[in-house]
Amino acid sequence: MTEANSRPHDGFHVFDTTLRDGAQREGINLTVADKLAIARHLDEFGVGFIEGGWPGANPRDTEFFARAQAELELKNAQLVAFGATRRAGGKAAEDPQLAALVASGAPVVTLVAKSHDRHVELALRTTLEENLEMVRDSVEFLRSQGRRVFIDCEHFFDGYRANPEYALAVVKAAHGAGADVVVLCDTNGGMLPSGVREIVETVLAETGARLGIHAQDDTGCAVANTLAAVDAGATHVQCTANGYGERVGNANLFPVTAALELKYDRRVLPAGSLAEMTRISHAIAEVVNLTPSTHQPYVGFSAFAHKAGLHASAIKVDPDLYQHIDPELVGNTMRMLVSDMAGRASIELKGKELGYDLTGDRDLAGRVVARVKAQENLGYTYEAADASFELLLRDEVNGGERLRFFELESWRSISEQGPEGRAGNEATVKLWARGERKVATGEGNGPVDALDKALRAALEPIFPPLAKLELVDYKVRILEGQHGTGSKTRVLIESTDGTGTWSTVGVADNVIAASWVALEDAYTYGLLRADQQP
């Protein structure tokens, strides 16, 4: 683990606690290799501090710090070990938990300290004065060992409201003992921005300590509370990637840093790092094995997606009219969604995105709008099926003539129950392609899988690039307005050829027929991508 050598100025800290606090989210279980991978992503993004966990209390965290010494080469961040103040009645120099923090090799240590009087008396079962001495003794010991010390005042805001004199005394004790930063923690996540700002301003005036903020998101205000603390004078923000954390999560690293850079005009990241935000967010989501939130501010797939025709008309004139920033600043892109809300401007912008210039042909754009609205009235959705929309657009560009690589004669699907409850599925397709009649049969795990295999068996000898085609996702929805087994069905299929992915949609009175429509579009689009000729 090398020393960070190109950190932004120490005047403002971006402190990430994904590896400790973020890992407490339900559904996240990080291996040491996962933690090392996330640390590299966070360092690349440019945070100043990465809290790696609690060495000595957790064997996995102890291993992480040991491996970090040999395997991490941090360019922007310093590694931080987390722990607690010494035990009541003891001495910091003899406390094994503090010794483990020193042994971790981390140059910075964060200590959690009780700042709510009831927690001191009920959880620590000690006196208020002894708790203050635990803070002083622990900070002074770690400072004597050459460590930089941050103090997390747990439950600070609740404690301040209950007993402001004592909460302030904890801050003063930490500051007086040499803590570089005293972090005010909204541990229960119940604060609102106005209250955070008022209390941080008061604490800063009363103590003169350098203050930080750690906000949980239980009221949905963690990012707002963090920025309110900055407004009040805090110069240290604690966050987690994608807002991961216990219960509903923590202040989200990406909206906080984007706001500081783009709204506050503070340089808190190395030059060029902000443009990597979307990629880093998604990369960390992959490591923790959680699907990235499509509606996350700044980095979500839908963060700059526009659906309403009114918005599209304005964006056509000036994208800034309905976007608060240029999405490229955070590594994202603007997307136009096509739906029954679309007008000509939406279609023209989406066409341009796909490589079709419709601006000089109002009649063509009007026909596409009318067809989209008619199709969506039948149950189709094109905002989630760009490939099907592009095929529809091509049809209209070519005078309404459908591009066909094959002509269906018929398809048949059979499901049967075998011995011991085993189910079998078989499908047969009869079609024409390049003047040849093909009849093929496929067996699969389900009727749609069997249909896909039959279609592949029929077409691959004629179109060899289809060997790379793979279906990677399949979704079925029973549409509203009808009931039971007679309901209309919509199917969305995601396909890949190994270099790109695309989505197609089909609607019919039953799931297999709807699947055939989506499959036909998926194969047609795949053959277009492979530069095949009908």
Protein backbone atom coordinates (compact mmCIF):
# COMPACT_ATOMS: atom_id res chain seq x y z
CA MET A 1 0.00 0.00 0.00
CA THR A 2 1.69 3.19 -1.17
CA GLU A 3 1.07 6.65 0.24
CA ALA A 4 -1.39 8.81 -1.66
CA ASN A 5 0.59 11.41 -3.59
CA SER A 6 -1.89 13.45 -5.60
CA ARG A 7 -4.83 14.07 -3.26
CA PRO A 8 -6.91 17.21 -3.58
CA HIS A 9 -6.02 19.86 -1.01
CA ASP A 10 -6.62 18.78 2.58
CA GLY A 11 -8.97 21.71 3.02
CA PHE A 12 -11.93 19.47 2.17
CA HIS A 13 -12.27 15.71 2.73
CA VAL A 14 -14.31 13.22 0.72
CA PHE A 15 -14.36 10.18 2.98
CA ASP A 16 -15.81 6.89 1.73
CA THR A 17 -17.09 4.19 4.08
CA THR A 18 -18.51 1.71 1.55
CA LEU A 19 -16.23 -1.08 2.78
CA ARG A 20 -17.47 -0.73 6.36
CA ASP A 21 -20.80 1.09 6.68
CA GLY A 22 -21.94 0.34 3.13
CA ALA A 23 -21.22 -3.36 3.63
CA GLN A 24 -23.88 -3.42 6.36
CA ARG A 25 -26.60 -3.22 3.70
CA GLU A 26 -28.87 -6.25 3.57
CA GLY A 27 -27.82 -8.41 0.62
CA ILE A 28 -24.16 -7.29 0.53
CA ASN A 29 -21.53 -9.78 1.68
CA LEU A 30 -18.06 -8.72 0.57
CA THR A 31 -15.07 -11.01 0.31
CA VAL A 32 -11.59 -9.61 0.87
CA ALA A 33 -11.06 -9.70 -2.90
CA ASP A 34 -14.29 -7.70 -3.33
CA LYS A 35 -13.10 -5.10 -0.84
CA LEU A 36 -9.76 -4.73 -2.58
CA ALA A 37 -11.50 -4.32 -5.95
CA ILE A 38 -13.86 -1.66 -4.59
CA ALA A 39 -10.97 0.17 -2.93
CA ARG A 40 -9.21 0.40 -6.31
CA HIS A 41 -12.36 1.81 -7.93
CA LEU A 42 -12.79 4.38 -5.15
CA ASP A 43 -9.14 5.41 -5.38
CA GLU A 44 -9.48 5.78 -9.13
CA PHE A 45 -12.52 7.99 -8.59
CA GLY A 46 -10.40 10.17 -6.34
CA VAL A 47 -11.83 10.05 -2.83
CA GLY A 48 -9.41 11.21 -0.15
CA PHE A 49 -10.07 8.47 2.40
CA ILE A 50 -11.24 4.87 2.18
CA GLU A 51 -12.46 3.31 5.43
CA GLY A 52 -11.58 -0.35 5.09
CA GLY A 53 -13.26 -1.88 8.13
CA TRP A 54 -12.58 -2.83 11.74
CA PRO A 55 -9.31 -4.77 12.10
CA GLY A 56 -9.12 -6.85 15.23
CA ALA A 57 -12.89 -7.10 15.58
CA ASN A 58 -13.54 -8.80 12.25
CA PRO A 59 -11.16 -11.46 10.81
CA ARG A 60 -12.07 -10.52 7.23
CA ASP A 61 -11.20 -6.89 7.90
CA THR A 62 -7.94 -7.88 9.57
CA GLU A 63 -7.06 -9.86 6.44
CA PHE A 64 -8.07 -6.93 4.23
CA PHE A 65 -5.61 -4.58 5.91
CA ALA A 66 -2.86 -7.19 5.80
CA ARG A 67 -3.37 -7.76 2.06
CA ALA A 68 -3.76 -4.04 1.40
CA GLN A 69 -0.20 -3.52 2.60
CA ALA A 70 1.08 -5.69 -0.25
CA GLU A 71 -1.60 -5.38 -2.92
CA LEU A 72 -2.99 -1.84 -2.93
CA GLU A 73 -1.16 1.00 -4.62
CA LEU A 74 -3.32 3.98 -3.79
CA LYS A 75 -2.75 7.12 -5.85
CA ASN A 76 -5.41 9.42 -4.41
CA ALA A 77 -6.71 7.96 -1.16
CA GLN A 78 -5.42 7.08 2.27
CA LEU A 79 -6.65 3.90 3.93
CA VAL A 80 -8.56 4.30 7.19
CA ALA A 81 -9.01 1.74 9.97
CA PHE A 82 -12.19 1.94 12.05
CA GLY A 83 -12.50 1.15 15.74
CA ALA A 84 -13.87 2.35 19.06
CA THR A 85 -12.49 4.28 21.99
CA ARG A 86 -10.82 2.23 24.71
CA ARG A 87 -12.86 0.26 27.19
CA ALA A 88 -14.20 1.92 30.30
CA GLY A 89 -11.84 1.67 33.24
CA GLY A 90 -8.85 0.70 31.15
CA LYS A 91 -5.87 2.42 29.53
CA ALA A 92 -5.55 3.15 25.85
CA ALA A 93 -1.93 1.97 25.75
CA GLU A 94 -3.08 -1.46 27.01
CA ASP A 95 -6.26 -1.79 24.93
CA PRO A 96 -5.98 -4.73 22.48
CA GLN A 97 -8.51 -3.23 20.10
CA LEU A 98 -6.51 -0.01 19.77
CA ALA A 99 -3.36 -2.08 19.33
CA ALA A 100 -5.03 -3.86 16.39
CA LEU A 101 -5.77 -0.50 14.79
CA VAL A 102 -2.10 0.44 15.01
CA ALA A 103 -1.05 -2.98 13.70
CA SER A 104 -3.30 -2.57 10.66
CA GLY A 105 -0.77 -0.18 9.17
CA ALA A 106 -3.46 2.31 8.21
CA PRO A 107 -2.16 5.89 8.45
CA VAL A 108 -5.57 7.16 9.56
CA VAL A 109 -7.88 5.83 12.27
CA THR A 110 -11.54 6.65 12.81
CA LEU A 111 -12.81 6.06 16.34
CA VAL A 112 -16.49 5.88 17.16
CA ALA A 113 -17.35 7.65 20.40
CA LYS A 114 -20.58 7.97 22.33
CA SER A 115 -21.95 11.51 22.36
CA HIS A 116 -25.48 10.82 23.60
CA ASP A 117 -25.62 10.76 27.40
CA ARG A 118 -28.19 7.93 27.55
CA HIS A 119 -26.02 5.74 25.32
CA VAL A 120 -23.05 6.34 27.60
CA GLU A 121 -24.98 5.29 30.68
CA LEU A 122 -27.10 2.49 29.18
CA ALA A 123 -24.85 1.00 26.47
CA LEU A 124 -21.34 1.63 27.82
CA ARG A 125 -22.55 1.43 31.44
CA THR A 126 -20.09 4.04 32.57
CA THR A 127 -20.13 7.63 33.74
CA LEU A 128 -20.28 10.67 31.52
CA GLU A 129 -16.87 11.85 32.74
CA GLU A 130 -15.25 8.45 32.11
CA ASN A 131 -16.57 8.52 28.54
CA LEU A 132 -14.85 11.87 28.01
CA GLU A 133 -11.63 10.41 29.38
CA MET A 134 -11.97 7.40 27.05
CA VAL A 135 -12.12 9.81 24.13
CA ARG A 136 -9.11 11.86 25.28
CA ASP A 137 -6.96 8.85 26.17
CA SER A 138 -7.71 6.98 22.92
CA VAL A 139 -7.00 9.97 20.68
CA GLU A 140 -3.78 10.85 22.49
CA PHE A 141 -2.54 7.25 22.32
CA LEU A 142 -3.15 6.92 18.57
CA ARG A 143 -1.55 10.30 17.98
CA SER A 144 1.50 9.12 19.91
CA GLN A 145 1.67 6.18 17.49
CA GLY A 146 1.84 8.53 14.51
CA ARG A 147 -1.76 8.07 13.42
CA ARG A 148 -4.09 10.75 12.15
CA VAL A 149 -7.36 10.48 14.12
CA PHE A 150 -10.94 11.23 13.16
CA ILE A 151 -13.70 10.89 15.77
CA ASP A 152 -17.20 9.74 14.80
CA CYS A 153 -19.62 11.13 17.39
CA GLU A 154 -22.32 8.46 17.26
CA HIS A 155 -25.96 9.63 17.66
CA PHE A 156 -24.66 13.18 17.89
CA PHE A 157 -27.76 15.04 16.72
CA ASP A 158 -30.11 13.06 18.96
CA GLY A 159 -27.65 13.48 21.80
CA TYR A 160 -27.37 17.20 21.21
CA ARG A 161 -31.13 17.63 21.38
CA ALA A 162 -31.27 15.62 24.61
CA ASN A 163 -28.26 17.16 26.34
CA PRO A 164 -26.44 19.81 24.27
CA GLU A 165 -23.86 20.58 26.97
CA TYR A 166 -22.66 16.98 27.09
CA ALA A 167 -22.63 16.49 23.30
CA LEU A 168 -20.49 19.63 23.00
CA ALA A 169 -18.21 18.33 25.76
CA VAL A 170 -17.47 15.20 23.70
CA VAL A 171 -16.54 17.32 20.67
CA LYS A 172 -14.28 19.51 22.81
CA ALA A 173 -12.61 16.48 24.40
CA ALA A 174 -11.80 14.96 21.01
CA HIS A 175 -10.63 18.25 19.55
CA GLY A 176 -8.54 19.09 22.58
CA ALA A 177 -6.82 15.69 22.51
CA GLY A 178 -5.73 16.23 18.91
CA ALA A 179 -8.41 14.69 16.70
CA ASP A 180 -8.09 16.20 13.22
CA VAL A 181 -11.81 15.98 12.49
CA VAL A 182 -14.86 15.49 14.70
CA VAL A 183 -17.66 13.92 12.67
CA LEU A 184 -21.25 14.60 13.71
CA CYS A 185 -23.27 11.47 12.99
CA ASP A 186 -27.00 11.28 12.29
CA THR A 187 -26.89 7.61 13.20
CA ASN A 188 -30.66 7.05 13.20
CA GLY A 189 -31.13 9.11 10.03
CA GLY A 190 -33.96 11.17 11.47
CA MET A 191 -32.64 14.68 10.86
CA LEU A 192 -33.83 17.24 8.30
CA PRO A 193 -31.55 19.77 6.55
CA SER A 194 -32.65 22.85 8.52
CA GLY A 195 -31.91 21.13 11.83
CA VAL A 196 -28.54 19.83 10.63
CA ARG A 197 -27.46 23.26 9.49
CA GLU A 198 -28.50 24.95 12.72
CA ILE A 199 -26.71 22.44 14.96
CA VAL A 200 -23.52 22.30 12.88
CA GLU A 201 -23.28 26.11 12.90
CA THR A 202 -23.67 26.12 16.69
CA VAL A 203 -21.13 23.36 17.31
CA LEU A 204 -18.60 25.04 15.04
CA ALA A 205 -19.01 28.34 16.87
CA GLU A 206 -18.86 26.73 20.33
CA THR A 207 -15.90 24.40 19.81
CA GLY A 208 -13.74 25.63 16.92
CA ALA A 209 -13.21 22.00 15.92
CA ARG A 210 -12.95 20.89 12.31
CA LEU A 211 -16.31 19.21 11.69
CA GLY A 212 -17.50 16.43 9.45
CA ILE A 213 -20.91 14.94 8.69
CA HIS A 214 -22.10 11.33 8.53
CA ALA A 215 -25.75 11.05 7.47
CA GLN A 216 -27.99 8.00 7.24
CA ASP A 217 -30.90 8.17 4.77
CA ASP A 218 -33.89 7.10 6.85
CA THR A 219 -35.82 10.27 5.99
CA GLY A 220 -34.55 10.32 2.40
CA CYS A 221 -32.48 13.40 3.29
CA ALA A 222 -28.94 12.04 3.66
CA VAL A 223 -27.53 13.90 0.65
CA ALA A 224 -29.43 17.08 1.53
CA ASN A 225 -28.33 16.81 5.17
CA THR A 226 -24.72 16.36 4.08
CA LEU A 227 -24.86 19.46 1.90
CA ALA A 228 -26.62 21.40 4.67
CA ALA A 229 -23.71 20.55 6.97
CA VAL A 230 -21.29 21.82 4.30
CA ASP A 231 -23.31 25.02 4.10
CA ALA A 232 -22.87 25.35 7.87
CA GLY A 233 -19.09 24.92 7.72
CA ALA A 234 -18.37 21.17 7.71
CA THR A 235 -15.31 20.34 5.60
CA HIS A 236 -15.42 16.54 5.79
CA VAL A 237 -18.21 14.42 4.26
CA GLN A 238 -18.66 10.69 4.85
CA CYS A 239 -20.50 8.80 2.13
CA THR A 240 -20.91 5.37 0.54
CA ALA A 241 -20.90 4.38 -3.12
CA ASN A 242 -24.46 4.27 -4.50
CA GLY A 243 -25.77 5.06 -1.01
CA TYR A 244 -25.22 1.51 0.26
CA GLY A 245 -25.68 1.08 4.00
CA GLU A 246 -27.71 -0.30 6.85
CA ARG A 247 -31.52 0.00 6.67
CA VAL A 248 -32.19 2.39 3.76
CA GLY A 249 -28.58 3.45 3.36
CA ASN A 250 -26.16 6.35 3.72
CA ALA A 251 -25.44 9.62 1.95
CA ASN A 252 -24.65 8.66 -1.63
CA LEU A 253 -21.07 9.44 -2.64
CA PHE A 254 -21.92 10.28 -6.24
CA PRO A 255 -24.65 12.93 -5.83
CA VAL A 256 -22.68 14.50 -2.97
CA THR A 257 -19.42 14.81 -4.93
CA ALA A 258 -21.24 15.89 -8.10
CA ALA A 259 -23.06 18.61 -6.16
CA LEU A 260 -19.84 19.80 -4.55
CA GLU A 261 -18.03 19.97 -7.88
CA LEU A 262 -20.81 21.21 -10.15
CA LYS A 263 -23.11 23.17 -7.85
CA TYR A 264 -20.72 24.45 -5.18
CA ASP A 265 -17.76 24.81 -7.54
CA ARG A 266 -15.48 23.05 -5.05
CA ARG A 267 -12.58 20.99 -6.42
CA VAL A 268 -12.89 17.90 -4.21
CA LEU A 269 -11.75 15.31 -6.81
CA PRO A 270 -8.69 15.09 -9.05
CA ALA A 271 -9.07 16.65 -12.50
CA GLY A 272 -11.02 14.41 -14.87
CA SER A 273 -12.41 12.11 -12.17
CA LEU A 274 -15.97 13.40 -12.31
CA ALA A 275 -16.37 12.17 -15.89
CA GLU A 276 -15.67 8.63 -14.62
CA MET A 277 -18.51 8.76 -12.08
CA THR A 278 -21.10 6.71 -13.98
CA ARG A 279 -18.59 4.00 -14.88
CA ILE A 280 -17.26 3.76 -11.31
CA SER A 281 -20.78 3.61 -9.86
CA HIS A 282 -21.75 0.73 -12.13
CA ALA A 283 -18.44 -1.07 -11.62
CA ILE A 284 -18.92 -1.08 -7.84
CA ALA A 285 -22.51 -2.29 -8.28
CA GLU A 286 -21.14 -5.21 -10.27
CA VAL A 287 -18.68 -6.11 -7.50
CA VAL A 288 -21.36 -6.10 -4.79
CA ASN A 289 -23.67 -8.02 -7.17
CA LEU A 290 -26.55 -5.53 -7.04
CA THR A 291 -28.29 -4.21 -10.13
CA PRO A 292 -27.46 -0.51 -10.56
CA SER A 293 -30.41 1.74 -9.78
CA THR A 294 -31.66 3.07 -13.11
CA HIS A 295 -33.11 6.18 -11.46
CA GLN A 296 -30.12 7.16 -9.34
CA PRO A 297 -29.26 10.86 -9.72
CA TYR A 298 -26.40 11.69 -12.09
CA VAL A 299 -25.33 8.09 -12.83
CA GLY A 300 -28.61 6.20 -13.36
CA PHE A 301 -29.47 4.89 -16.83
CA SER A 302 -32.62 7.01 -16.69
CA ALA A 303 -31.04 10.10 -15.11
CA PHE A 304 -31.08 11.95 -18.44
CA ALA A 305 -33.86 10.03 -20.21
CA HIS A 306 -36.68 12.08 -21.71
CA LYS A 307 -40.10 10.72 -22.55
CA ALA A 308 -42.64 13.55 -22.74
CA GLY A 309 -43.16 15.15 -26.13
CA LEU A 310 -43.10 18.63 -24.59
CA HIS A 311 -39.65 17.97 -23.13
CA ALA A 312 -38.38 16.61 -26.43
CA SER A 313 -39.55 19.71 -28.29
CA ALA A 314 -37.59 21.91 -25.91
CA ILE A 315 -34.51 19.67 -25.89
CA LYS A 316 -34.45 19.78 -29.68
CA VAL A 317 -33.91 23.56 -29.35
CA ASP A 318 -31.53 23.41 -26.37
CA PRO A 319 -30.79 20.32 -24.21
CA ASP A 320 -30.19 22.54 -21.18
CA LEU A 321 -33.87 23.49 -21.09
CA TYR A 322 -34.75 20.15 -19.44
CA GLN A 323 -31.38 19.03 -18.04
CA HIS A 324 -29.70 20.51 -14.99
CA ILE A 325 -26.21 19.58 -16.26
CA ASP A 326 -24.56 18.19 -19.36
CA PRO A 327 -24.66 14.40 -18.71
CA GLU A 328 -21.19 13.97 -20.18
CA LEU A 329 -19.76 15.84 -17.18
CA VAL A 330 -20.50 12.75 -15.06
CA GLY A 331 -19.91 10.17 -17.79
CA ASN A 332 -23.59 9.64 -18.58
CA THR A 333 -25.59 10.23 -21.77
CA MET A 334 -28.92 11.74 -22.74
CA ARG A 335 -31.52 9.27 -24.00
CA MET A 336 -34.78 9.85 -25.81
CA LEU A 337 -37.58 7.41 -24.96
CA VAL A 338 -40.22 6.53 -27.50
CA SER A 339 -43.75 5.97 -26.19
CA ASP A 340 -47.35 6.96 -26.73
CA MET A 341 -46.36 10.33 -25.20
CA ALA A 342 -44.00 10.97 -28.10
CA GLY A 343 -44.40 13.81 -30.57
CA ARG A 344 -42.46 14.59 -33.72
CA ALA A 345 -39.58 16.12 -31.75
CA SER A 346 -39.15 12.92 -29.69
CA ILE A 347 -39.12 10.80 -32.85
CA GLU A 348 -36.68 13.11 -34.63
CA LEU A 349 -34.28 13.10 -31.67
CA LYS A 350 -34.53 9.34 -31.21
CA GLY A 351 -34.03 8.84 -34.95
CA LYS A 352 -30.92 11.00 -34.83
CA GLU A 353 -29.65 8.94 -31.89
CA LEU A 354 -30.07 5.81 -34.05
CA GLY A 355 -28.51 7.38 -37.14
CA TYR A 356 -31.63 8.48 -39.06
CA ASP A 357 -32.17 12.13 -39.98
CA LEU A 358 -35.92 12.78 -39.99
CA THR A 359 -35.82 16.56 -39.61
CA GLY A 360 -36.56 17.25 -43.28
CA ASP A 361 -39.55 14.92 -43.56
CA ARG A 362 -42.46 15.91 -41.32
CA ASP A 363 -44.77 13.36 -42.97
CA LEU A 364 -42.37 10.51 -42.21
CA ALA A 365 -41.98 11.62 -38.58
CA GLY A 366 -45.74 11.93 -38.31
CA ARG A 367 -46.26 8.38 -39.64
CA VAL A 368 -43.76 7.01 -37.11
CA VAL A 369 -45.52 8.86 -34.28
CA ALA A 370 -48.89 7.52 -35.36
CA ARG A 371 -47.62 3.97 -35.65
CA VAL A 372 -45.90 4.07 -32.26
CA LYS A 373 -49.06 5.31 -30.59
CA ALA A 374 -51.17 2.65 -32.34
CA GLN A 375 -48.76 -0.10 -31.33
CA GLU A 376 -48.51 1.07 -27.73
CA ASN A 377 -52.31 1.10 -27.60
CA LEU A 378 -52.09 -2.61 -28.36
CA GLY A 379 -49.67 -3.14 -25.47
CA TYR A 380 -46.25 -2.61 -27.05
CA THR A 381 -43.62 -0.55 -25.23
CA TYR A 382 -40.68 0.86 -27.13
CA GLU A 383 -38.91 2.76 -24.38
CA ALA A 384 -37.54 -0.61 -23.20
CA ALA A 385 -37.12 -2.10 -26.71
CA ASP A 386 -34.88 0.11 -28.82
CA ALA A 387 -34.22 -2.62 -31.38
CA SER A 388 -37.91 -3.14 -32.10
CA PHE A 389 -38.34 0.61 -32.45
CA GLU A 390 -35.43 0.85 -34.88
CA LEU A 391 -36.98 -1.90 -37.00
CA LEU A 392 -40.29 -0.01 -36.99
CA LEU A 393 -38.47 3.16 -38.00
CA ARG A 394 -36.69 1.35 -40.84
CA ASP A 395 -40.04 0.08 -42.06
CA GLU A 396 -41.40 3.60 -42.36
CA VAL A 397 -38.20 4.97 -43.92
CA ASN A 398 -38.53 2.21 -46.55
CA GLY A 399 -42.11 3.12 -47.36
CA GLY A 400 -43.75 0.79 -44.87
CA GLU A 401 -42.10 -2.35 -46.24
CA ARG A 402 -40.88 -4.72 -43.57
CA LEU A 403 -37.26 -5.91 -43.77
CA ARG A 404 -37.40 -9.72 -43.69
CA PHE A 405 -34.53 -12.15 -43.65
CA PHE A 406 -37.02 -15.03 -43.46
CA GLU A 407 -40.72 -15.63 -44.09
CA LEU A 408 -42.61 -17.70 -41.56
CA GLU A 409 -44.78 -20.51 -42.88
CA SER A 410 -45.78 -21.79 -39.43
CA TRP A 411 -44.56 -22.62 -35.98
CA ARG A 412 -45.80 -25.18 -33.47
CA SER A 413 -45.04 -25.66 -29.78
CA ILE A 414 -45.75 -28.82 -27.77
CA SER A 415 -45.45 -29.30 -24.02
CA GLU A 416 -45.84 -32.74 -22.49
CA GLN A 417 -45.63 -34.35 -19.09
CA GLY A 418 -43.20 -37.28 -18.89
CA PRO A 419 -42.38 -39.93 -16.28
CA GLU A 420 -41.90 -38.80 -12.68
CA GLY A 421 -43.31 -35.37 -13.46
CA ARG A 422 -40.61 -34.43 -15.95
CA ALA A 423 -41.84 -31.84 -18.43
CA GLY A 424 -40.78 -31.82 -22.07
CA ASN A 425 -40.99 -28.99 -24.57
CA GLU A 426 -40.62 -29.28 -28.32
CA ALA A 427 -41.09 -26.72 -31.08
CA THR A 428 -41.12 -26.93 -34.87
CA VAL A 429 -40.72 -24.02 -37.28
CA LYS A 430 -41.31 -23.98 -41.02
CA LEU A 431 -39.93 -20.97 -42.89
CA TRP A 432 -38.37 -19.67 -46.09
CA ALA A 433 -34.99 -17.91 -46.26
CA ARG A 434 -33.00 -17.02 -49.38
CA GLY A 435 -35.26 -19.18 -51.48
CA GLU A 436 -34.88 -22.26 -49.27
CA ARG A 437 -37.64 -23.92 -47.29
CA LYS A 438 -36.45 -24.93 -43.86
CA VAL A 439 -38.15 -27.21 -41.34
CA ALA A 440 -36.44 -27.52 -37.96
CA THR A 441 -37.26 -28.88 -34.51
CA GLY A 442 -35.86 -27.87 -31.14
CA GLU A 443 -36.17 -29.11 -27.58
CA GLY A 444 -35.76 -26.80 -24.60
CA ASN A 445 -36.31 -26.16 -20.92
CA GLY A 446 -39.54 -24.36 -21.78
CA PRO A 447 -41.66 -23.69 -24.84
CA VAL A 448 -39.89 -20.42 -25.66
CA ASP A 449 -36.44 -22.00 -25.28
CA ALA A 450 -37.55 -24.79 -27.62
CA LEU A 451 -38.88 -22.24 -30.13
CA ASP A 452 -35.59 -20.33 -30.02
CA LYS A 453 -33.60 -23.50 -30.64
CA ALA A 454 -35.81 -24.50 -33.54
CA LEU A 455 -35.47 -21.07 -35.14
CA ARG A 456 -31.70 -21.16 -34.64
CA ALA A 457 -31.46 -24.64 -36.18
CA ALA A 458 -33.36 -23.45 -39.23
CA LEU A 459 -31.42 -20.23 -39.81
CA GLU A 460 -27.82 -20.85 -38.70
CA PRO A 461 -26.85 -22.87 -41.83
CA ILE A 462 -27.97 -19.91 -43.97
CA PHE A 463 -26.76 -17.12 -41.66
CA PRO A 464 -23.63 -18.38 -39.80
CA PRO A 465 -23.23 -15.18 -37.67
CA LEU A 466 -26.31 -16.30 -35.72
CA ALA A 467 -24.04 -18.74 -33.90
CA LYS A 468 -22.96 -15.77 -31.75
CA LEU A 469 -26.53 -14.77 -30.91
CA GLU A 470 -27.62 -15.44 -27.34
CA LEU A 471 -30.75 -14.55 -25.40
CA VAL A 472 -29.69 -13.10 -22.05
CA ASP A 473 -32.95 -11.93 -20.49
CA TYR A 474 -36.64 -12.68 -20.83
CA LYS A 475 -39.52 -10.86 -19.17
CA VAL A 476 -43.26 -11.54 -19.33
CA ARG A 477 -46.05 -9.23 -18.26
CA ILE A 478 -49.79 -9.82 -18.29
CA LEU A 479 -51.27 -6.55 -19.49
CA GLU A 480 -53.92 -4.71 -17.52
CA GLY A 481 -57.50 -4.48 -18.71
CA GLN A 482 -58.07 -8.19 -19.27
CA HIS A 483 -58.20 -11.07 -16.85
CA GLY A 484 -57.01 -14.59 -16.27
CA THR A 485 -55.79 -16.93 -18.99
CA GLY A 486 -57.43 -14.81 -21.68
CA SER A 487 -55.28 -11.75 -20.93
CA LYS A 488 -52.99 -10.19 -23.51
CA THR A 489 -49.29 -10.81 -22.89
CA ARG A 490 -46.20 -8.67 -23.47
CA VAL A 491 -42.74 -10.21 -23.75
CA LEU A 492 -39.41 -8.36 -23.63
CA ILE A 493 -36.29 -10.17 -24.80
CA GLU A 494 -32.69 -8.98 -24.40
CA SER A 495 -30.15 -10.45 -26.82
CA THR A 496 -26.41 -10.20 -27.38
CA ASP A 497 -23.89 -11.09 -30.05
CA GLY A 498 -20.96 -10.78 -27.66
CA THR A 499 -20.18 -7.17 -28.57
CA GLY A 500 -23.50 -5.45 -27.89
CA THR A 501 -26.97 -6.02 -26.48
CA TRP A 502 -30.41 -5.08 -27.74
CA SER A 503 -34.01 -5.45 -26.60
CA THR A 504 -37.13 -6.43 -28.53
CA VAL A 505 -40.82 -6.61 -27.68
CA GLY A 506 -43.75 -8.79 -28.69
CA VAL A 507 -47.45 -8.66 -27.79
CA ALA A 508 -50.05 -11.35 -28.44
CA ASP A 509 -52.94 -13.23 -26.85
CA ASN A 510 -50.60 -15.87 -25.40
CA VAL A 511 -47.04 -15.94 -24.13
CA ILE A 512 -45.64 -18.18 -26.85
CA ALA A 513 -47.06 -16.10 -29.69
CA ALA A 514 -45.78 -12.90 -28.04
CA SER A 515 -42.40 -14.54 -27.60
CA TRP A 516 -42.30 -15.42 -31.31
CA VAL A 517 -42.84 -11.75 -32.25
CA ALA A 518 -40.01 -10.64 -29.94
CA LEU A 519 -37.77 -13.48 -31.18
CA GLU A 520 -38.37 -12.55 -34.81
CA ASP A 521 -37.33 -8.95 -34.09
CA ALA A 522 -34.29 -10.14 -32.09
CA TYR A 523 -33.03 -12.33 -34.95
CA THR A 524 -33.76 -9.68 -37.57
CA TYR A 525 -31.88 -7.01 -35.64
CA GLY A 526 -28.99 -9.40 -34.96
CA LEU A 527 -28.66 -10.14 -38.69
CA LEU A 528 -28.68 -6.40 -39.42
CA ARG A 529 -25.85 -5.91 -36.94
CA ALA A 530 -23.94 -8.70 -38.68
CA ASP A 531 -24.32 -6.93 -42.08
CA GLN A 532 -26.22 -9.86 -43.55
CA GLN A 533 -28.38 -9.56 -46.66
CA PRO A 534 -31.91 -11.06 -46.92
